[in-house]
Amino acid sequence: MGWVLPKGTLEPNETHKAAALREVKEESGVTAKVIKYLGKTEYTFYSSFPDSNDKHKVSKTVHWYLMTTSAFYCKPQADEFFTDVGFYKQHEAYHLLKFHDERRIMKRAYCELTAPKNS
């Protein structure tokens, strides 16, 4: 197993930023605020159609945002089969994440948060 970061599909006329905020709320119950756009990742996988062994290639692009929240109460989205959700220290989160791209984007977010601020 492993943990994943919130992500999903755009709804009609929805921006990437609005979709990111909505997915965080749906998947974790957390109301967040975007601090900064972090970039995008792309990946492909093969999926089967229901009731078929035929596989088709699926290409995905994920737009990532650094976010903050003032409340840390979380509730996993049970209807999507999430069983746990939470906030972790950077080094703990890094080892919990399932996918390399998500570990890389989490490191980028951490660097943004800890970078010295220019006055």
PDB file of N, CA and C in Angstrom:
ATOM      1  N   MET A   1       0.843  -1.180   0.000  1.00  0.00           N
ATOM      2  CA  MET A   1       0.000   0.000   0.000  1.00  0.00           C
ATOM      3  C   MET A   1       0.886   1.240   0.000  1.00  0.00           C
ATOM      4  N   GLY A   2       0.397   2.285   0.504  1.00  0.00           N
ATOM      5  CA  GLY A   2       1.096   3.558   0.554  1.00  0.00           C
ATOM      6  C   GLY A   2       0.100   4.690   0.479  1.00  0.00           C
ATOM      7  N   TRP A   3       0.563   5.847   0.827  1.00  0.00           N
ATOM      8  CA  TRP A   3      -0.286   7.027   0.828  1.00  0.00           C
ATOM      9  C   TRP A   3      -0.176   7.735  -0.508  1.00  0.00           C
ATOM     10  N   VAL A   4      -1.222   8.491  -0.849  1.00  0.00           N
ATOM     11  CA  VAL A   4      -1.218   9.329  -2.047  1.00  0.00           C
ATOM     12  C   VAL A   4      -1.695  10.723  -1.652  1.00  0.00           C
ATOM     13  N   LEU A   5      -1.321  11.702  -2.448  1.00  0.00           N
ATOM     14  CA  LEU A   5      -1.782  13.065  -2.243  1.00  0.00           C
ATOM     15  C   LEU A   5      -3.124  13.258  -2.946  1.00  0.00           C
ATOM     16  N   PRO A   6      -3.960  14.166  -2.456  1.00  0.00           N
ATOM     17  CA  PRO A   6      -5.262  14.385  -3.098  1.00  0.00           C
ATOM     18  C   PRO A   6      -5.100  14.841  -4.549  1.00  0.00           C
ATOM     19  N   LYS A   7      -5.929  14.285  -5.410  1.00  0.00           N
ATOM     20  CA  LYS A   7      -5.966  14.682  -6.819  1.00  0.00           C
ATOM     21  C   LYS A   7      -7.238  14.129  -7.435  1.00  0.00           C
ATOM     22  N   GLY A   8      -7.596  14.647  -8.585  1.00  0.00           N
ATOM     23  CA  GLY A   8      -8.815  14.184  -9.238  1.00  0.00           C
ATOM     24  C   GLY A   8      -8.978  14.798 -10.599  1.00  0.00           C
ATOM     25  N   THR A   9     -10.200  14.769 -11.093  1.00  0.00           N
ATOM     26  CA  THR A   9     -10.528  15.216 -12.443  1.00  0.00           C
ATOM     27  C   THR A   9     -11.263  16.549 -12.391  1.00  0.00           C
ATOM     28  N   LEU A  10     -10.967  17.388 -13.376  1.00  0.00           N
ATOM     29  CA  LEU A  10     -11.660  18.670 -13.474  1.00  0.00           C
ATOM     30  C   LEU A  10     -13.142  18.467 -13.739  1.00  0.00           C
ATOM     31  N   GLU A  11     -13.958  19.278 -13.093  1.00  0.00           N
ATOM     32  CA  GLU A  11     -15.379  19.332 -13.405  1.00  0.00           C
ATOM     33  C   GLU A  11     -15.564  20.376 -14.510  1.00  0.00           C
ATOM     34  N   PRO A  12     -16.699  20.370 -15.220  1.00  0.00           N
ATOM     35  CA  PRO A  12     -16.901  21.338 -16.310  1.00  0.00           C
ATOM     36  C   PRO A  12     -16.680  22.781 -15.844  1.00  0.00           C
ATOM     37  N   ASN A  13     -15.920  23.532 -16.626  1.00  0.00           N
ATOM     38  CA  ASN A  13     -15.616  24.955 -16.382  1.00  0.00           C
ATOM     39  C   ASN A  13     -14.835  25.205 -15.091  1.00  0.00           C
ATOM     40  N   GLU A  14     -14.174  24.209 -14.567  1.00  0.00           N
ATOM     41  CA  GLU A  14     -13.404  24.345 -13.323  1.00  0.00           C
ATOM     42  C   GLU A  14     -11.937  24.588 -13.644  1.00  0.00           C
ATOM     43  N   THR A  15     -11.297  25.483 -12.900  1.00  0.00           N
ATOM     44  CA  THR A  15      -9.861  25.712 -13.061  1.00  0.00           C
ATOM     45  C   THR A  15      -9.086  24.621 -12.322  1.00  0.00           C
ATOM     46  N   HIS A  16      -7.817  24.485 -12.652  1.00  0.00           N
ATOM     47  CA  HIS A  16      -6.970  23.511 -11.944  1.00  0.00           C
ATOM     48  C   HIS A  16      -6.880  23.853 -10.461  1.00  0.00           C
ATOM     49  N   LYS A  17      -6.758  25.132 -10.161  1.00  0.00           N
ATOM     50  CA  LYS A  17      -6.669  25.578  -8.768  1.00  0.00           C
ATOM     51  C   LYS A  17      -7.946  25.241  -8.003  1.00  0.00           C
ATOM     52  N   ALA A  18      -9.104  25.532  -8.586  1.00  0.00           N
ATOM     53  CA  ALA A  18     -10.383  25.226  -7.928  1.00  0.00           C
ATOM     54  C   ALA A  18     -10.547  23.718  -7.745  1.00  0.00           C
ATOM     55  N   ALA A  19     -10.132  22.952  -8.735  1.00  0.00           N
ATOM     56  CA  ALA A  19     -10.230  21.490  -8.634  1.00  0.00           C
ATOM     57  C   ALA A  19      -9.340  20.972  -7.505  1.00  0.00           C
ATOM     58  N   ALA A  20      -8.137  21.521  -7.375  1.00  0.00           N
ATOM     59  CA  ALA A  20      -7.225  21.096  -6.313  1.00  0.00           C
ATOM     60  C   ALA A  20      -7.828  21.361  -4.937  1.00  0.00           C
ATOM     61  N   LEU A  21      -8.386  22.540  -4.752  1.00  0.00           N
ATOM     62  CA  LEU A  21      -9.014  22.866  -3.467  1.00  0.00           C
ATOM     63  C   LEU A  21     -10.216  21.961  -3.192  1.00  0.00           C
ATOM     64  N   ARG A  22     -11.023  21.707  -4.227  1.00  0.00           N
ATOM     65  CA  ARG A  22     -12.194  20.830  -4.065  1.00  0.00           C
ATOM     66  C   ARG A  22     -11.774  19.408  -3.716  1.00  0.00           C
ATOM     67  N   GLU A  23     -10.758  18.888  -4.397  1.00  0.00           N
ATOM     68  CA  GLU A  23     -10.306  17.519  -4.134  1.00  0.00           C
ATOM     69  C   GLU A  23      -9.750  17.370  -2.724  1.00  0.00           C
ATOM     70  N   VAL A  24      -9.005  18.355  -2.248  1.00  0.00           N
ATOM     71  CA  VAL A  24      -8.499  18.311  -0.871  1.00  0.00           C
ATOM     72  C   VAL A  24      -9.677  18.256   0.099  1.00  0.00           C
ATOM     73  N   LYS A  25     -10.690  19.086  -0.154  1.00  0.00           N
ATOM     74  CA  LYS A  25     -11.869  19.110   0.724  1.00  0.00           C
ATOM     75  C   LYS A  25     -12.614  17.784   0.668  1.00  0.00           C
ATOM     76  N   GLU A  26     -12.835  17.245  -0.528  1.00  0.00           N
ATOM     77  CA  GLU A  26     -13.576  15.991  -0.674  1.00  0.00           C
ATOM     78  C   GLU A  26     -12.839  14.805  -0.062  1.00  0.00           C
ATOM     79  N   GLU A  27     -11.535  14.731  -0.310  1.00  0.00           N
ATOM     80  CA  GLU A  27     -10.773  13.549   0.098  1.00  0.00           C
ATOM     81  C   GLU A  27     -10.323  13.575   1.545  1.00  0.00           C
ATOM     82  N   SER A  28     -10.254  14.769   2.147  1.00  0.00           N
ATOM     83  CA  SER A  28      -9.740  14.853   3.518  1.00  0.00           C
ATOM     84  C   SER A  28     -10.656  15.594   4.485  1.00  0.00           C
ATOM     85  N   GLY A  29     -11.619  16.344   3.955  1.00  0.00           N
ATOM     86  CA  GLY A  29     -12.466  17.163   4.808  1.00  0.00           C
ATOM     87  C   GLY A  29     -11.829  18.487   5.196  1.00  0.00           C
ATOM     88  N   VAL A  30     -10.645  18.775   4.684  1.00  0.00           N
ATOM     89  CA  VAL A  30      -9.888  19.977   5.048  1.00  0.00           C
ATOM     90  C   VAL A  30     -10.190  21.115   4.077  1.00  0.00           C
ATOM     91  N   THR A  31     -10.487  22.288   4.617  1.00  0.00           N
ATOM     92  CA  THR A  31     -10.619  23.493   3.810  1.00  0.00           C
ATOM     93  C   THR A  31      -9.249  24.156   3.755  1.00  0.00           C
ATOM     94  N   ALA A  32      -8.710  24.282   2.558  1.00  0.00           N
ATOM     95  CA  ALA A  32      -7.345  24.792   2.393  1.00  0.00           C
ATOM     96  C   ALA A  32      -7.344  26.088   1.599  1.00  0.00           C
ATOM     97  N   LYS A  33      -6.185  26.741   1.595  1.00  0.00           N
ATOM     98  CA  LYS A  33      -5.949  27.959   0.819  1.00  0.00           C
ATOM     99  C   LYS A  33      -4.648  27.761   0.041  1.00  0.00           C
ATOM    100  N   VAL A  34      -4.653  28.104  -1.237  1.00  0.00           N
ATOM    101  CA  VAL A  34      -3.460  27.944  -2.071  1.00  0.00           C
ATOM    102  C   VAL A  34      -2.445  29.030  -1.746  1.00  0.00           C
ATOM    103  N   ILE A  35      -1.203  28.602  -1.558  1.00  0.00           N
ATOM    104  CA  ILE A  35      -0.079  29.517  -1.359  1.00  0.00           C
ATOM    105  C   ILE A  35       0.624  29.766  -2.691  1.00  0.00           C
ATOM    106  N   LYS A  36       0.855  28.642  -3.444  1.00  0.00           N
ATOM    107  CA  LYS A  36       1.658  28.762  -4.666  1.00  0.00           C
ATOM    108  C   LYS A  36       1.444  27.548  -5.556  1.00  0.00           C
ATOM    109  N   TYR A  37       1.494  27.780  -6.865  1.00  0.00           N
ATOM    110  CA  TYR A  37       1.490  26.686  -7.848  1.00  0.00           C
ATOM    111  C   TYR A  37       2.876  26.062  -7.871  1.00  0.00           C
ATOM    112  N   LEU A  38       2.949  24.736  -7.816  1.00  0.00           N
ATOM    113  CA  LEU A  38       4.244  24.040  -7.764  1.00  0.00           C
ATOM    114  C   LEU A  38       4.654  23.395  -9.084  1.00  0.00           C
ATOM    115  N   GLY A  39       3.744  23.288 -10.028  1.00  0.00           N
ATOM    116  CA  GLY A  39       4.073  22.659 -11.296  1.00  0.00           C
ATOM    117  C   GLY A  39       3.173  21.470 -11.570  1.00  0.00           C
ATOM    118  N   LYS A  40       3.543  20.703 -12.576  1.00  0.00           N
ATOM    119  CA  LYS A  40       2.724  19.556 -12.954  1.00  0.00           C
ATOM    120  C   LYS A  40       3.582  18.321 -13.152  1.00  0.00           C
ATOM    121  N   THR A  41       2.950  17.183 -13.025  1.00  0.00           N
ATOM    122  CA  THR A  41       3.582  15.908 -13.353  1.00  0.00           C
ATOM    123  C   THR A  41       2.678  15.189 -14.343  1.00  0.00           C
ATOM    124  N   GLU A  42       3.277  14.318 -15.142  1.00  0.00           N
ATOM    125  CA  GLU A  42       2.530  13.532 -16.121  1.00  0.00           C
ATOM    126  C   GLU A  42       2.912  12.077 -15.962  1.00  0.00           C
ATOM    127  N   TYR A  43       1.928  11.196 -16.133  1.00  0.00           N
ATOM    128  CA  TYR A  43       2.194   9.770 -16.064  1.00  0.00           C
ATOM    129  C   TYR A  43       1.176   9.020 -16.901  1.00  0.00           C
ATOM    130  N   THR A  44       1.492   7.767 -17.210  1.00  0.00           N
ATOM    131  CA  THR A  44       0.577   6.909 -17.964  1.00  0.00           C
ATOM    132  C   THR A  44       0.464   5.569 -17.247  1.00  0.00           C
ATOM    133  N   PHE A  45      -0.650   4.911 -17.471  1.00  0.00           N
ATOM    134  CA  PHE A  45      -0.854   3.564 -16.958  1.00  0.00           C
ATOM    135  C   PHE A  45      -1.836   2.857 -17.886  1.00  0.00           C
ATOM    136  N   TYR A  46      -1.953   1.565 -17.702  1.00  0.00           N
ATOM    137  CA  TYR A  46      -2.883   0.779 -18.500  1.00  0.00           C
ATOM    138  C   TYR A  46      -4.043   0.341 -17.619  1.00  0.00           C
ATOM    139  N   SER A  47      -5.242   0.440 -18.166  1.00  0.00           N
ATOM    140  CA  SER A  47      -6.443   0.112 -17.423  1.00  0.00           C
ATOM    141  C   SER A  47      -7.338  -0.784 -18.266  1.00  0.00           C
ATOM    142  N   SER A  48      -8.113  -1.622 -17.608  1.00  0.00           N
ATOM    143  CA  SER A  48      -9.064  -2.490 -18.299  1.00  0.00           C
ATOM    144  C   SER A  48     -10.449  -1.868 -18.260  1.00  0.00           C
ATOM    145  N   PHE A  49     -11.201  -2.112 -19.314  1.00  0.00           N
ATOM    146  CA  PHE A  49     -12.609  -1.714 -19.306  1.00  0.00           C
ATOM    147  C   PHE A  49     -13.360  -2.688 -18.404  1.00  0.00           C
ATOM    148  N   PRO A  50     -14.436  -2.239 -17.775  1.00  0.00           N
ATOM    149  CA  PRO A  50     -15.240  -3.169 -16.957  1.00  0.00           C
ATOM    150  C   PRO A  50     -15.710  -4.349 -17.804  1.00  0.00           C
ATOM    151  N   ASP A  51     -15.685  -5.537 -17.221  1.00  0.00           N
ATOM    152  CA  ASP A  51     -16.120  -6.768 -17.895  1.00  0.00           C
ATOM    153  C   ASP A  51     -15.312  -7.089 -19.140  1.00  0.00           C
ATOM    154  N   SER A  52     -14.031  -6.708 -19.166  1.00  0.00           N
ATOM    155  CA  SER A  52     -13.189  -6.971 -20.327  1.00  0.00           C
ATOM    156  C   SER A  52     -11.738  -7.114 -19.882  1.00  0.00           C
ATOM    157  N   ASN A  53     -10.977  -7.862 -20.649  1.00  0.00           N
ATOM    158  CA  ASN A  53      -9.535  -7.964 -20.402  1.00  0.00           C
ATOM    159  C   ASN A  53      -8.757  -7.027 -21.309  1.00  0.00           C
ATOM    160  N   ASP A  54      -9.451  -6.289 -22.187  1.00  0.00           N
ATOM    161  CA  ASP A  54      -8.791  -5.354 -23.097  1.00  0.00           C
ATOM    162  C   ASP A  54      -8.227  -4.188 -22.301  1.00  0.00           C
ATOM    163  N   LYS A  55      -6.946  -3.910 -22.512  1.00  0.00           N
ATOM    164  CA  LYS A  55      -6.283  -2.817 -21.787  1.00  0.00           C
ATOM    165  C   LYS A  55      -6.141  -1.614 -22.705  1.00  0.00           C
ATOM    166  N   HIS A  56      -6.293  -0.444 -22.126  1.00  0.00           N
ATOM    167  CA  HIS A  56      -6.069   0.786 -22.872  1.00  0.00           C
ATOM    168  C   HIS A  56      -5.151   1.700 -22.069  1.00  0.00           C
ATOM    169  N   LYS A  57      -4.381   2.492 -22.795  1.00  0.00           N
ATOM    170  CA  LYS A  57      -3.418   3.399 -22.174  1.00  0.00           C
ATOM    171  C   LYS A  57      -4.142   4.663 -21.711  1.00  0.00           C
ATOM    172  N   VAL A  58      -3.872   5.072 -20.472  1.00  0.00           N
ATOM    173  CA  VAL A  58      -4.448   6.280 -19.896  1.00  0.00           C
ATOM    174  C   VAL A  58      -3.301   7.237 -19.567  1.00  0.00           C
ATOM    175  N   SER A  59      -3.390   8.457 -20.067  1.00  0.00           N
ATOM    176  CA  SER A  59      -2.383   9.490 -19.777  1.00  0.00           C
ATOM    177  C   SER A  59      -2.999  10.523 -18.849  1.00  0.00           C
ATOM    178  N   LYS A  60      -2.260  10.892 -17.815  1.00  0.00           N
ATOM    179  CA  LYS A  60      -2.751  11.845 -16.816  1.00  0.00           C
ATOM    180  C   LYS A  60      -1.746  12.974 -16.620  1.00  0.00           C
ATOM    181  N   THR A  61      -2.268  14.159 -16.387  1.00  0.00           N
ATOM    182  CA  THR A  61      -1.466  15.315 -15.986  1.00  0.00           C
ATOM    183  C   THR A  61      -2.035  15.813 -14.668  1.00  0.00           C
ATOM    184  N   VAL A  62      -1.179  16.003 -13.671  1.00  0.00           N
ATOM    185  CA  VAL A  62      -1.611  16.483 -12.357  1.00  0.00           C
ATOM    186  C   VAL A  62      -0.942  17.829 -12.096  1.00  0.00           C
ATOM    187  N   HIS A  63      -1.744  18.828 -11.750  1.00  0.00           N
ATOM    188  CA  HIS A  63      -1.244  20.156 -11.386  1.00  0.00           C
ATOM    189  C   HIS A  63      -1.209  20.227  -9.859  1.00  0.00           C
ATOM    190  N   TRP A  64      -0.043  20.628  -9.324  1.00  0.00           N
ATOM    191  CA  TRP A  64       0.184  20.599  -7.878  1.00  0.00           C
ATOM    192  C   TRP A  64       0.234  22.004  -7.299  1.00  0.00           C
ATOM    193  N   TYR A  65      -0.319  22.145  -6.099  1.00  0.00           N
ATOM    194  CA  TYR A  65      -0.349  23.424  -5.395  1.00  0.00           C
ATOM    195  C   TYR A  65       0.125  23.232  -3.964  1.00  0.00           C
ATOM    196  N   LEU A  66       0.906  24.189  -3.494  1.00  0.00           N
ATOM    197  CA  LEU A  66       1.261  24.266  -2.087  1.00  0.00           C
ATOM    198  C   LEU A  66       0.099  24.953  -1.388  1.00  0.00           C
ATOM    199  N   MET A  67      -0.409  24.339  -0.320  1.00  0.00           N
ATOM    200  CA  MET A  67      -1.582  24.873   0.379  1.00  0.00           C
ATOM    201  C   MET A  67      -1.320  24.975   1.873  1.00  0.00           C
ATOM    202  N   THR A  68      -2.195  25.731   2.527  1.00  0.00           N
ATOM    203  CA  THR A  68      -2.171  25.847   3.979  1.00  0.00           C
ATOM    204  C   THR A  68      -3.600  25.719   4.494  1.00  0.00           C
ATOM    205  N   THR A  69      -3.714  25.458   5.777  1.00  0.00           N
ATOM    206  CA  THR A  69      -5.016  25.400   6.430  1.00  0.00           C
ATOM    207  C   THR A  69      -4.856  25.841   7.875  1.00  0.00           C
ATOM    208  N   SER A  70      -5.939  26.268   8.467  1.00  0.00           N
ATOM    209  CA  SER A  70      -5.877  26.668   9.876  1.00  0.00           C
ATOM    210  C   SER A  70      -6.473  25.600  10.790  1.00  0.00           C
ATOM    211  N   ALA A  71      -7.071  24.575  10.208  1.00  0.00           N
ATOM    212  CA  ALA A  71      -7.670  23.495  10.999  1.00  0.00           C
ATOM    213  C   ALA A  71      -7.102  22.163  10.525  1.00  0.00           C
ATOM    214  N   PHE A  72      -6.711  21.345  11.442  1.00  0.00           N
ATOM    215  CA  PHE A  72      -6.055  20.098  11.077  1.00  0.00           C
ATOM    216  C   PHE A  72      -6.919  18.862  11.304  1.00  0.00           C
ATOM    217  N   TYR A  73      -8.204  19.049  11.555  1.00  0.00           N
ATOM    218  CA  TYR A  73      -9.112  17.913  11.651  1.00  0.00           C
ATOM    219  C   TYR A  73      -9.309  17.344  10.247  1.00  0.00           C
ATOM    220  N   CYS A  74      -9.190  16.028  10.120  1.00  0.00           N
ATOM    221  CA  CYS A  74      -9.327  15.361   8.827  1.00  0.00           C
ATOM    222  C   CYS A  74     -10.330  14.214   8.922  1.00  0.00           C
ATOM    223  N   LYS A  75     -10.970  13.929   7.801  1.00  0.00           N
ATOM    224  CA  LYS A  75     -11.872  12.783   7.720  1.00  0.00           C
ATOM    225  C   LYS A  75     -11.710  12.171   6.332  1.00  0.00           C
ATOM    226  N   PRO A  76     -11.292  10.904   6.241  1.00  0.00           N
ATOM    227  CA  PRO A  76     -11.078  10.293   4.921  1.00  0.00           C
ATOM    228  C   PRO A  76     -12.383  10.096   4.157  1.00  0.00           C
ATOM    229  N   GLN A  77     -12.301  10.183   2.849  1.00  0.00           N
ATOM    230  CA  GLN A  77     -13.449  10.015   1.965  1.00  0.00           C
ATOM    231  C   GLN A  77     -13.741   8.527   1.791  1.00  0.00           C
ATOM    232  N   ALA A  78     -14.673   8.019   2.579  1.00  0.00           N
ATOM    233  CA  ALA A  78     -14.964   6.583   2.613  1.00  0.00           C
ATOM    234  C   ALA A  78     -15.506   6.063   1.292  1.00  0.00           C
ATOM    235  N   ASP A  79     -16.312   6.853   0.576  1.00  0.00           N
ATOM    236  CA  ASP A  79     -16.892   6.357  -0.671  1.00  0.00           C
ATOM    237  C   ASP A  79     -15.859   6.205  -1.785  1.00  0.00           C
ATOM    238  N   GLU A  80     -14.655   6.739  -1.595  1.00  0.00           N
ATOM    239  CA  GLU A  80     -13.540   6.522  -2.520  1.00  0.00           C
ATOM    240  C   GLU A  80     -12.550   5.503  -1.937  1.00  0.00           C
ATOM    241  N   PHE A  81     -12.948   4.863  -0.837  1.00  0.00           N
ATOM    242  CA  PHE A  81     -12.174   3.808  -0.179  1.00  0.00           C
ATOM    243  C   PHE A  81     -10.899   4.309   0.491  1.00  0.00           C
ATOM    244  N   PHE A  82     -10.867   5.584   0.857  1.00  0.00           N
ATOM    245  CA  PHE A  82      -9.760   6.083   1.666  1.00  0.00           C
ATOM    246  C   PHE A  82     -10.036   5.665   3.106  1.00  0.00           C
ATOM    247  N   THR A  83      -9.025   5.129   3.755  1.00  0.00           N
ATOM    248  CA  THR A  83      -9.209   4.639   5.119  1.00  0.00           C
ATOM    249  C   THR A  83      -8.506   5.501   6.159  1.00  0.00           C
ATOM    250  N   ASP A  84      -7.618   6.388   5.713  1.00  0.00           N
ATOM    251  CA  ASP A  84      -6.886   7.217   6.658  1.00  0.00           C
ATOM    252  C   ASP A  84      -6.466   8.505   5.958  1.00  0.00           C
ATOM    253  N   VAL A  85      -6.266   9.536   6.724  1.00  0.00           N
ATOM    254  CA  VAL A  85      -5.835  10.835   6.233  1.00  0.00           C
ATOM    255  C   VAL A  85      -5.156  11.549   7.387  1.00  0.00           C
ATOM    256  N   GLY A  86      -4.193  12.426   7.099  1.00  0.00           N
ATOM    257  CA  GLY A  86      -3.558  13.116   8.202  1.00  0.00           C
ATOM    258  C   GLY A  86      -2.477  14.077   7.772  1.00  0.00           C
ATOM    259  N   PHE A  87      -1.940  14.782   8.758  1.00  0.00           N
ATOM    260  CA  PHE A  87      -0.827  15.700   8.575  1.00  0.00           C
ATOM    261  C   PHE A  87       0.388  15.080   9.242  1.00  0.00           C
ATOM    262  N   TYR A  88       1.539  15.153   8.559  1.00  0.00           N
ATOM    263  CA  TYR A  88       2.758  14.518   9.050  1.00  0.00           C
ATOM    264  C   TYR A  88       3.945  15.437   8.888  1.00  0.00           C
ATOM    265  N   LYS A  89       4.977  15.160   9.639  1.00  0.00           N
ATOM    266  CA  LYS A  89       6.243  15.844   9.456  1.00  0.00           C
ATOM    267  C   LYS A  89       6.795  15.456   8.087  1.00  0.00           C
ATOM    268  N   GLN A  90       7.626  16.345   7.531  1.00  0.00           N
ATOM    269  CA  GLN A  90       8.138  16.141   6.171  1.00  0.00           C
ATOM    270  C   GLN A  90       8.801  14.782   5.991  1.00  0.00           C
ATOM    271  N   HIS A  91       9.671  14.395   6.891  1.00  0.00           N
ATOM    272  CA  HIS A  91      10.387  13.126   6.715  1.00  0.00           C
ATOM    273  C   HIS A  91       9.454  11.922   6.859  1.00  0.00           C
ATOM    274  N   GLU A  92       8.410  12.035   7.659  1.00  0.00           N
ATOM    275  CA  GLU A  92       7.434  10.950   7.788  1.00  0.00           C
ATOM    276  C   GLU A  92       6.591  10.841   6.516  1.00  0.00           C
ATOM    277  N   ALA A  93       6.116  11.989   6.028  1.00  0.00           N
ATOM    278  CA  ALA A  93       5.287  12.001   4.818  1.00  0.00           C
ATOM    279  C   ALA A  93       6.059  11.437   3.624  1.00  0.00           C
ATOM    280  N   TYR A  94       7.329  11.793   3.519  1.00  0.00           N
ATOM    281  CA  TYR A  94       8.152  11.322   2.398  1.00  0.00           C
ATOM    282  C   TYR A  94       8.145   9.794   2.324  1.00  0.00           C
ATOM    283  N   HIS A  95       8.257   9.137   3.452  1.00  0.00           N
ATOM    284  CA  HIS A  95       8.325   7.671   3.465  1.00  0.00           C
ATOM    285  C   HIS A  95       6.946   7.008   3.367  1.00  0.00           C
ATOM    286  N   LEU A  96       5.901   7.730   3.689  1.00  0.00           N
ATOM    287  CA  LEU A  96       4.549   7.188   3.560  1.00  0.00           C
ATOM    288  C   LEU A  96       4.039   7.218   2.118  1.00  0.00           C
ATOM    289  N   LEU A  97       4.497   8.188   1.332  1.00  0.00           N
ATOM    290  CA  LEU A  97       3.973   8.353  -0.022  1.00  0.00           C
ATOM    291  C   LEU A  97       4.346   7.178  -0.923  1.00  0.00           C
ATOM    292  N   LYS A  98       3.384   6.761  -1.728  1.00  0.00           N
ATOM    293  CA  LYS A  98       3.506   5.575  -2.580  1.00  0.00           C
ATOM    294  C   LYS A  98       4.289   5.837  -3.868  1.00  0.00           C
ATOM    295  N   PHE A  99       4.117   7.012  -4.466  1.00  0.00           N
ATOM    296  CA  PHE A  99       4.667   7.275  -5.795  1.00  0.00           C
ATOM    297  C   PHE A  99       5.840   8.254  -5.756  1.00  0.00           C
ATOM    298  N   HIS A 100       6.836   7.971  -6.589  1.00  0.00           N
ATOM    299  CA  HIS A 100       8.041   8.792  -6.680  1.00  0.00           C
ATOM    300  C   HIS A 100       7.699  10.249  -7.027  1.00  0.00           C
ATOM    301  N   ASP A 101       6.809  10.468  -8.008  1.00  0.00           N
ATOM    302  CA  ASP A 101       6.446  11.834  -8.400  1.00  0.00           C
ATOM    303  C   ASP A 101       5.841  12.610  -7.234  1.00  0.00           C
ATOM    304  N   GLU A 102       5.068  11.934  -6.405  1.00  0.00           N
ATOM    305  CA  GLU A 102       4.462  12.616  -5.256  1.00  0.00           C
ATOM    306  C   GLU A 102       5.498  12.921  -4.182  1.00  0.00           C
ATOM    307  N   ARG A 103       6.472  12.041  -4.002  1.00  0.00           N
ATOM    308  CA  ARG A 103       7.555  12.339  -3.059  1.00  0.00           C
ATOM    309  C   ARG A 103       8.357  13.542  -3.551  1.00  0.00           C
ATOM    310  N   ARG A 104       8.594  13.610  -4.860  1.00  0.00           N
ATOM    311  CA  ARG A 104       9.354  14.720  -5.432  1.00  0.00           C
ATOM    312  C   ARG A 104       8.593  16.045  -5.274  1.00  0.00           C
ATOM    313  N   ILE A 105       7.288  16.051  -5.520  1.00  0.00           N
ATOM    314  CA  ILE A 105       6.515  17.293  -5.404  1.00  0.00           C
ATOM    315  C   ILE A 105       6.397  17.705  -3.934  1.00  0.00           C
ATOM    316  N   MET A 106       6.330  16.730  -3.035  1.00  0.00           N
ATOM    317  CA  MET A 106       6.282  17.043  -1.605  1.00  0.00           C
ATOM    318  C   MET A 106       7.601  17.685  -1.165  1.00  0.00           C
ATOM    319  N   LYS A 107       8.736  17.207  -1.684  1.00  0.00           N
ATOM    320  CA  LYS A 107      10.029  17.819  -1.377  1.00  0.00           C
ATOM    321  C   LYS A 107      10.095  19.249  -1.902  1.00  0.00           C
ATOM    322  N   ARG A 108       9.552  19.461  -3.099  1.00  0.00           N
ATOM    323  CA  ARG A 108       9.517  20.811  -3.670  1.00  0.00           C
ATOM    324  C   ARG A 108       8.688  21.735  -2.780  1.00  0.00           C
ATOM    325  N   ALA A 109       7.543  21.261  -2.311  1.00  0.00           N
ATOM    326  CA  ALA A 109       6.689  22.058  -1.427  1.00  0.00           C
ATOM    327  C   ALA A 109       7.431  22.402  -0.137  1.00  0.00           C
ATOM    328  N   TYR A 110       8.124  21.426   0.431  1.00  0.00           N
ATOM    329  CA  TYR A 110       8.869  21.658   1.669  1.00  0.00           C
ATOM    330  C   TYR A 110       9.967  22.701   1.450  1.00  0.00           C
ATOM    331  N   CYS A 111      10.658  22.622   0.324  1.00  0.00           N
ATOM    332  CA  CYS A 111      11.705  23.612   0.016  1.00  0.00           C
ATOM    333  C   CYS A 111      11.110  25.003  -0.123  1.00  0.00           C
ATOM    334  N   GLU A 112       9.949  25.115  -0.731  1.00  0.00           N
ATOM    335  CA  GLU A 112       9.272  26.411  -0.850  1.00  0.00           C
ATOM    336  C   GLU A 112       8.942  26.983   0.530  1.00  0.00           C
ATOM    337  N   LEU A 113       8.481  26.134   1.422  1.00  0.00           N
ATOM    338  CA  LEU A 113       8.105  26.589   2.765  1.00  0.00           C
ATOM    339  C   LEU A 113       9.301  27.002   3.606  1.00  0.00           C
ATOM    340  N   THR A 114      10.427  26.351   3.398  1.00  0.00           N
ATOM    341  CA  THR A 114      11.593  26.605   4.252  1.00  0.00           C
ATOM    342  C   THR A 114      12.626  27.533   3.614  1.00  0.00           C
ATOM    343  N   ALA A 115      12.388  27.974   2.382  1.00  0.00           N
ATOM    344  CA  ALA A 115      13.331  28.872   1.708  1.00  0.00           C
ATOM    345  C   ALA A 115      13.368  30.218   2.421  1.00  0.00           C
ATOM    346  N   PRO A 116      14.549  30.807   2.524  1.00  0.00           N
ATOM    347  CA  PRO A 116      14.634  32.143   3.146  1.00  0.00           C
ATOM    348  C   PRO A 116      13.808  33.150   2.347  1.00  0.00           C
ATOM    349  N   LYS A 117      13.132  34.030   3.044  1.00  0.00           N
ATOM    350  CA  LYS A 117      12.303  35.067   2.420  1.00  0.00           C
ATOM    351  C   LYS A 117      13.151  36.309   2.169  1.00  0.00           C
ATOM    352  N   ASN A 118      13.034  36.856   0.954  1.00  0.00           N
ATOM    353  CA  ASN A 118      13.729  38.117   0.642  1.00  0.00           C
ATOM    354  C   ASN A 118      12.903  39.280   1.163  1.00  0.00           C
ATOM    355  N   SER A 119      13.563  40.237   1.814  1.00  0.00           N
ATOM    356  CA  SER A 119      12.825  41.395   2.350  1.00  0.00           C
ATOM    357  C   SER A 119      12.896  42.554   1.411  1.00  0.00           C
TER     358      SER A 119
END
